[in-house]
């Protein structure tokens, strides 16, 4: 989801308020807003939806600016939104709601909100499949979308006006919109795999030596259209969570965007040569 805004006056301060039914990434002019992962956090969406507040004064520049959001389902379609009386999970379509309040040095203000009139939706994300409890499927050919969608001038075939949806969940109208009630999830360090062993042809198992709660970042090498699977687990015999990567280049980096896992082992399948330990 993206739009452009034009700033013709000097900005004194700017605040961005964002909430989502699901997990969102916010960017301005191609740069991430904030340093947290998997916002909005865990909500019981039938009762409340949490929002986060960001100081984006330094992210804006004179002239044309781009604002963008990428949204994934997160807990919106997982157990936290289960509606027992309906015997099904909530509506699978994730959504985002945001407001930016800009205060200029002449003491005037401007408020920008998400609506169907000024924003554009691009549905062809590199994240082709997202399931909070299972994994992601990533199309490397569309990797540039992640870098470009929030920049001024972004345009792609298939862009359309977004739909405005009612703020309800599991038949419960008007859930309370509240300031975030949980600490942000942030990076507290980086760990490198310590050993690697070949488990079968074109498959390699990496051991971090301890349990980790976080995300992987893997540099993979291969051929165009090559399919690579990445399995995660706390034990070697229980590697159930899987990410799938379609190579859009002979060398690329992959890191899940919409989920955090607990794991010790990472198995990379479908590669002819094992990535170096420093690449995992």
Protein backbone atom coordinates (compact mmCIF):
# COMPACT_ATOMS: atom_id res chain seq x y z
CA UNK A 1 0.00 0.00 0.00
CA UNK A 2 1.55 3.33 -0.99
CA UNK A 3 1.01 7.02 -1.73
CA UNK A 4 2.96 10.21 -2.31
CA UNK A 5 2.75 13.46 -0.38
CA UNK A 6 4.24 16.82 -1.29
CA UNK A 7 5.69 19.01 1.44
CA UNK A 8 5.88 22.66 0.47
CA UNK A 9 6.61 24.03 3.95
CA UNK A 10 9.27 23.32 6.56
CA UNK A 11 8.34 20.47 8.90
CA UNK A 12 8.68 21.05 12.65
CA UNK A 13 7.60 17.56 13.69
CA UNK A 14 5.73 14.58 12.27
CA UNK A 15 4.15 11.58 13.96
CA UNK A 16 3.02 8.38 12.28
CA UNK A 17 0.40 6.17 13.94
CA UNK A 18 -0.02 2.69 12.48
CA UNK A 19 -2.20 -0.31 13.26
CA UNK A 20 -3.01 -3.47 11.34
CA UNK A 21 -5.04 -6.62 11.41
CA UNK A 22 -1.92 -8.69 10.93
CA UNK A 23 1.76 -7.67 10.78
CA UNK A 24 3.02 -4.62 8.92
CA UNK A 25 6.22 -3.03 7.67
CA UNK A 26 6.23 0.76 7.31
CA UNK A 27 8.64 2.65 5.06
CA UNK A 28 9.16 6.26 4.02
CA UNK A 29 11.21 7.06 0.92
CA UNK A 30 12.51 3.49 0.82
CA UNK A 31 13.77 3.42 4.43
CA UNK A 32 12.18 1.43 7.29
CA UNK A 33 10.24 3.32 9.94
CA UNK A 34 11.38 2.26 13.40
CA UNK A 35 13.53 -0.76 14.27
CA UNK A 36 11.00 -3.26 15.62
CA UNK A 37 9.87 -6.58 14.16
CA UNK A 38 6.38 -7.98 13.61
CA UNK A 39 4.34 -4.95 14.68
CA UNK A 40 1.46 -4.73 15.73
CA UNK A 41 2.23 -7.59 18.08
CA UNK A 42 -0.29 -10.09 19.43
CA UNK A 43 -3.86 -8.82 19.72
CA UNK A 44 -7.15 -10.48 20.50
CA UNK A 45 -8.55 -8.76 17.45
CA UNK A 46 -12.20 -9.26 18.32
CA UNK A 47 -11.68 -7.00 21.35
CA UNK A 48 -8.81 -4.63 20.65
CA UNK A 49 -6.35 -3.59 17.94
CA UNK A 50 -3.05 -2.04 19.03
CA UNK A 51 -1.29 0.84 17.27
CA UNK A 52 2.30 2.07 17.34
CA UNK A 53 3.56 5.66 17.24
CA UNK A 54 6.69 6.76 15.36
CA UNK A 55 8.56 10.03 15.19
CA UNK A 56 9.16 10.43 11.44
CA UNK A 57 10.31 14.06 11.44
CA UNK A 58 13.75 13.18 10.11
CA UNK A 59 12.37 10.70 7.57
CA UNK A 60 10.56 13.38 5.56
CA UNK A 61 12.23 15.70 3.07
CA UNK A 62 11.13 18.84 1.21
CA UNK A 63 9.15 18.10 -1.94
CA UNK A 64 7.71 14.72 -2.87
CA UNK A 65 7.82 11.88 -0.33
CA UNK A 66 6.69 8.29 -0.60
CA UNK A 67 4.94 6.35 2.17
CA UNK A 68 4.35 2.61 2.01
CA UNK A 69 3.12 -0.36 4.02
CA UNK A 70 3.58 -4.07 3.44
CA UNK A 71 1.09 -6.20 5.37
CA UNK A 72 1.07 -9.90 6.25
CA UNK A 73 -1.55 -11.96 8.12
CA UNK A 74 0.37 -12.73 11.34
CA UNK A 75 -1.92 -13.68 14.22
CA UNK A 76 -4.91 -12.21 12.38
CA UNK A 77 -5.53 -15.57 10.74
CA UNK A 78 -4.03 -17.72 13.48
CA UNK A 79 -5.25 -18.98 16.84
CA UNK A 80 -5.58 -15.56 18.44
CA UNK A 81 -8.53 -14.67 16.22
CA UNK A 82 -10.38 -17.96 16.42
CA UNK A 83 -14.15 -17.50 16.66
CA UNK A 84 -15.60 -20.57 18.33
CA UNK A 85 -19.19 -19.72 17.51
CA UNK A 86 -18.35 -19.54 13.80
CA UNK A 87 -16.16 -22.67 13.85
CA UNK A 88 -13.61 -21.02 11.60
CA UNK A 89 -10.80 -18.54 11.65
CA UNK A 90 -11.26 -14.87 10.91
CA UNK A 91 -11.27 -13.35 7.47
CA UNK A 92 -7.85 -14.02 5.92
CA UNK A 93 -7.36 -10.62 4.31
CA UNK A 94 -4.90 -8.51 6.28
CA UNK A 95 -5.38 -4.74 6.44
CA UNK A 96 -3.64 -1.61 7.74
CA UNK A 97 -4.84 1.69 9.18
CA UNK A 98 -2.56 4.70 9.58
CA UNK A 99 -2.50 8.41 10.26
CA UNK A 100 0.35 10.90 9.89
CA UNK A 101 0.13 14.26 11.65
CA UNK A 102 2.56 16.88 10.32
CA UNK A 103 3.21 20.12 12.20
CA UNK A 104 4.91 22.86 10.20
CA UNK A 105 7.15 25.63 11.50
CA UNK A 106 4.38 28.15 10.79
CA UNK A 107 2.26 26.25 13.39
CA UNK A 108 -0.16 24.85 10.83
CA UNK A 109 -0.84 21.11 10.72
CA UNK A 110 -1.75 18.55 8.11
CA UNK A 111 -3.25 15.10 8.71
CA UNK A 112 -2.89 12.26 6.23
CA UNK A 113 -4.92 9.08 6.66
CA UNK A 114 -5.28 5.77 4.85
CA UNK A 115 -8.23 5.89 2.45
CA UNK A 116 -9.25 4.58 -0.96
CA UNK A 117 -8.94 7.95 -2.67
CA UNK A 118 -5.24 8.78 -2.29
CA UNK A 119 -3.57 5.38 -1.83
CA UNK A 120 -2.64 2.63 -4.28
CA UNK A 121 -2.57 -1.11 -3.67
CA UNK A 122 -0.07 -3.46 -5.31
CA UNK A 123 -0.92 -7.10 -4.69
CA UNK A 124 2.01 -8.78 -6.46
CA UNK A 125 4.39 -9.07 -3.51
CA UNK A 126 7.47 -11.30 -3.50
CA UNK A 127 5.88 -12.95 -0.45
CA UNK A 128 3.57 -15.28 -2.34
CA UNK A 129 2.46 -17.27 0.70
CA UNK A 130 2.44 -16.46 4.40
CA UNK A 131 1.28 -18.66 7.25
CA UNK A 132 2.25 -17.52 10.73
CA UNK A 133 2.61 -21.04 12.15
CA UNK A 134 4.31 -22.57 9.08
CA UNK A 135 6.40 -20.38 6.80
CA UNK A 136 6.80 -18.07 3.82
CA UNK A 137 7.21 -18.52 0.08
CA UNK A 138 9.42 -15.89 -1.51
CA UNK A 139 9.71 -15.08 -5.22
CA UNK A 140 13.19 -13.67 -5.84
CA UNK A 141 12.11 -12.19 -9.17
CA UNK A 142 9.97 -9.65 -7.29
CA UNK A 143 12.62 -8.74 -4.70
CA UNK A 144 12.96 -5.20 -6.06
CA UNK A 145 9.36 -4.46 -5.02
CA UNK A 146 10.41 -4.53 -1.35
CA UNK A 147 13.05 -1.88 -2.02
CA UNK A 148 11.02 0.38 -4.28
CA UNK A 149 7.37 0.37 -3.21
CA UNK A 150 7.65 3.28 -0.75
CA UNK A 151 9.80 5.49 -2.97
CA UNK A 152 8.33 8.46 -4.88
CA UNK A 153 7.41 7.55 -8.42
CA UNK A 154 6.89 3.83 -7.82
CA UNK A 155 4.60 2.39 -10.45
CA UNK A 156 3.80 -1.16 -11.51
CA UNK A 157 1.28 -2.84 -13.72
CA UNK A 158 -1.68 -4.05 -11.71
CA UNK A 159 -1.82 -1.26 -9.12
CA UNK A 160 -5.35 -0.50 -8.00
CA UNK A 161 -7.40 1.41 -5.45
CA UNK A 162 -7.54 -0.33 -2.06
CA UNK A 163 -10.78 -1.42 -0.45
CA UNK A 164 -11.96 0.10 2.82
CA UNK A 165 -13.10 -2.58 5.25
CA UNK A 166 -15.16 -2.34 8.41
CA UNK A 167 -13.18 -2.63 11.66
CA UNK A 168 -14.80 -5.82 12.87
CA UNK A 169 -13.63 -9.31 13.71
CA UNK A 170 -15.51 -12.56 14.19
CA UNK A 171 -18.78 -10.68 14.05
CA UNK A 172 -17.74 -8.25 16.80
CA UNK A 173 -18.05 -4.64 15.53
CA UNK A 174 -15.82 -1.74 16.55
CA UNK A 175 -12.96 -3.35 18.47
CA UNK A 176 -11.17 -0.88 20.74
CA UNK A 177 -8.15 0.80 19.13
CA UNK A 178 -5.51 1.14 21.85
CA UNK A 179 -1.90 2.24 22.22
CA UNK A 180 0.43 -0.77 22.12
CA UNK A 181 0.33 -2.73 25.38
CA UNK A 182 3.45 -4.78 24.78
CA UNK A 183 7.13 -4.06 24.35
CA UNK A 184 8.44 -3.85 20.79
CA UNK A 185 10.33 -6.86 19.45
CA UNK A 186 13.84 -5.71 18.58
CA UNK A 187 17.16 -7.24 17.58
CA UNK A 188 19.45 -7.83 20.57
CA UNK A 189 22.30 -9.54 18.72
CA UNK A 190 23.45 -11.68 15.82
CA UNK A 191 24.50 -15.33 15.96
CA UNK A 192 26.41 -17.29 13.33
CA UNK A 193 25.99 -21.01 12.64
CA UNK A 194 28.85 -22.93 14.26
CA UNK A 195 28.78 -26.25 12.36
CA UNK A 196 27.37 -27.66 9.13
CA UNK A 197 26.83 -31.25 8.00
CA UNK A 198 25.50 -32.72 4.77
CA UNK A 199 22.26 -34.62 5.43
CA UNK A 200 21.56 -35.76 1.87
CA UNK A 201 22.31 -34.74 -1.68
CA UNK A 202 21.97 -30.95 -2.00
CA UNK A 203 20.88 -30.63 1.68
CA UNK A 204 22.92 -29.15 4.53
CA UNK A 205 22.11 -28.85 8.24
CA UNK A 206 23.43 -25.87 10.21
CA UNK A 207 23.71 -25.93 14.00
CA UNK A 208 23.79 -22.69 16.00
CA UNK A 209 24.82 -24.51 19.18
CA UNK A 210 21.90 -23.15 21.20
CA UNK A 211 18.25 -22.29 20.96
CA UNK A 212 17.51 -18.96 19.30
CA UNK A 213 14.35 -16.88 19.19
CA UNK A 214 14.61 -14.75 16.10
CA UNK A 215 14.83 -14.80 12.31
CA UNK A 216 17.34 -16.25 9.89
CA UNK A 217 19.34 -14.35 7.30
CA UNK A 218 20.83 -16.60 4.64
CA UNK A 219 22.96 -15.85 1.59
CA UNK A 220 22.14 -18.46 -1.05
CA UNK A 221 23.75 -19.25 -4.41
CA UNK A 222 22.13 -21.05 -7.31
CA UNK A 223 20.59 -20.78 -10.75
CA UNK A 224 17.62 -18.78 -11.97
CA UNK A 225 14.29 -20.51 -11.21
CA UNK A 226 16.00 -22.82 -8.71
CA UNK A 227 13.76 -23.79 -5.78
CA UNK A 228 15.32 -23.79 -2.33
CA UNK A 229 13.69 -24.94 0.90
CA UNK A 230 14.78 -23.81 4.35
CA UNK A 231 13.65 -25.91 7.34
CA UNK A 232 13.79 -24.85 11.00
CA UNK A 233 13.58 -26.79 14.23
CA UNK A 234 14.60 -27.01 17.87
CA UNK A 235 15.58 -30.64 17.29
CA UNK A 236 17.01 -32.38 14.24
CA UNK A 237 14.10 -34.82 14.13
CA UNK A 238 11.47 -32.07 14.28
CA UNK A 239 12.14 -29.67 11.39
CA UNK A 240 8.54 -28.73 10.66
CA UNK A 241 8.61 -25.05 9.73
CA UNK A 242 9.64 -24.31 6.16
CA UNK A 243 10.38 -21.29 3.97
CA UNK A 244 10.51 -21.67 0.19
CA UNK A 245 12.65 -19.43 -2.01
CA UNK A 246 12.51 -19.10 -5.79
CA UNK A 247 15.88 -17.86 -7.02
CA UNK A 248 15.50 -14.67 -9.06
CA UNK A 249 19.26 -14.18 -9.23
CA UNK A 250 22.33 -16.40 -9.02
CA UNK A 251 23.12 -14.92 -5.59
CA UNK A 252 20.63 -13.42 -3.17
CA UNK A 253 19.86 -12.94 0.52
CA UNK A 254 16.70 -14.18 2.15
CA UNK A 255 15.29 -13.32 5.56
CA UNK A 256 11.70 -13.98 6.70
CA UNK A 257 9.82 -10.73 7.21
CA UNK A 258 6.57 -11.70 8.86
CA UNK A 259 7.43 -14.28 11.52
CA UNK A 260 9.75 -14.99 14.43
CA UNK A 261 10.76 -18.55 15.26
CA UNK A 262 12.42 -20.53 18.01
CA UNK A 263 15.07 -22.83 16.55
CA UNK A 264 18.54 -24.28 16.90
CA UNK A 265 18.90 -25.98 13.52
CA UNK A 266 18.46 -24.65 9.98
CA UNK A 267 18.48 -27.06 7.03
CA UNK A 268 18.99 -25.66 3.53
CA UNK A 269 17.79 -27.98 0.76
CA UNK A 270 18.12 -27.68 -3.00
CA UNK A 271 21.57 -26.08 -3.17
CA UNK A 272 24.53 -27.70 -4.94
CA UNK A 273 27.06 -26.14 -2.58
CA UNK A 274 26.65 -25.42 1.12
CA UNK A 275 26.62 -21.72 2.02
CA UNK A 276 29.52 -20.72 4.23
CA UNK A 277 28.92 -20.58 7.99
CA UNK A 278 29.31 -16.80 7.78
CA UNK A 279 26.41 -16.72 5.28
CA UNK A 280 23.96 -18.33 7.75
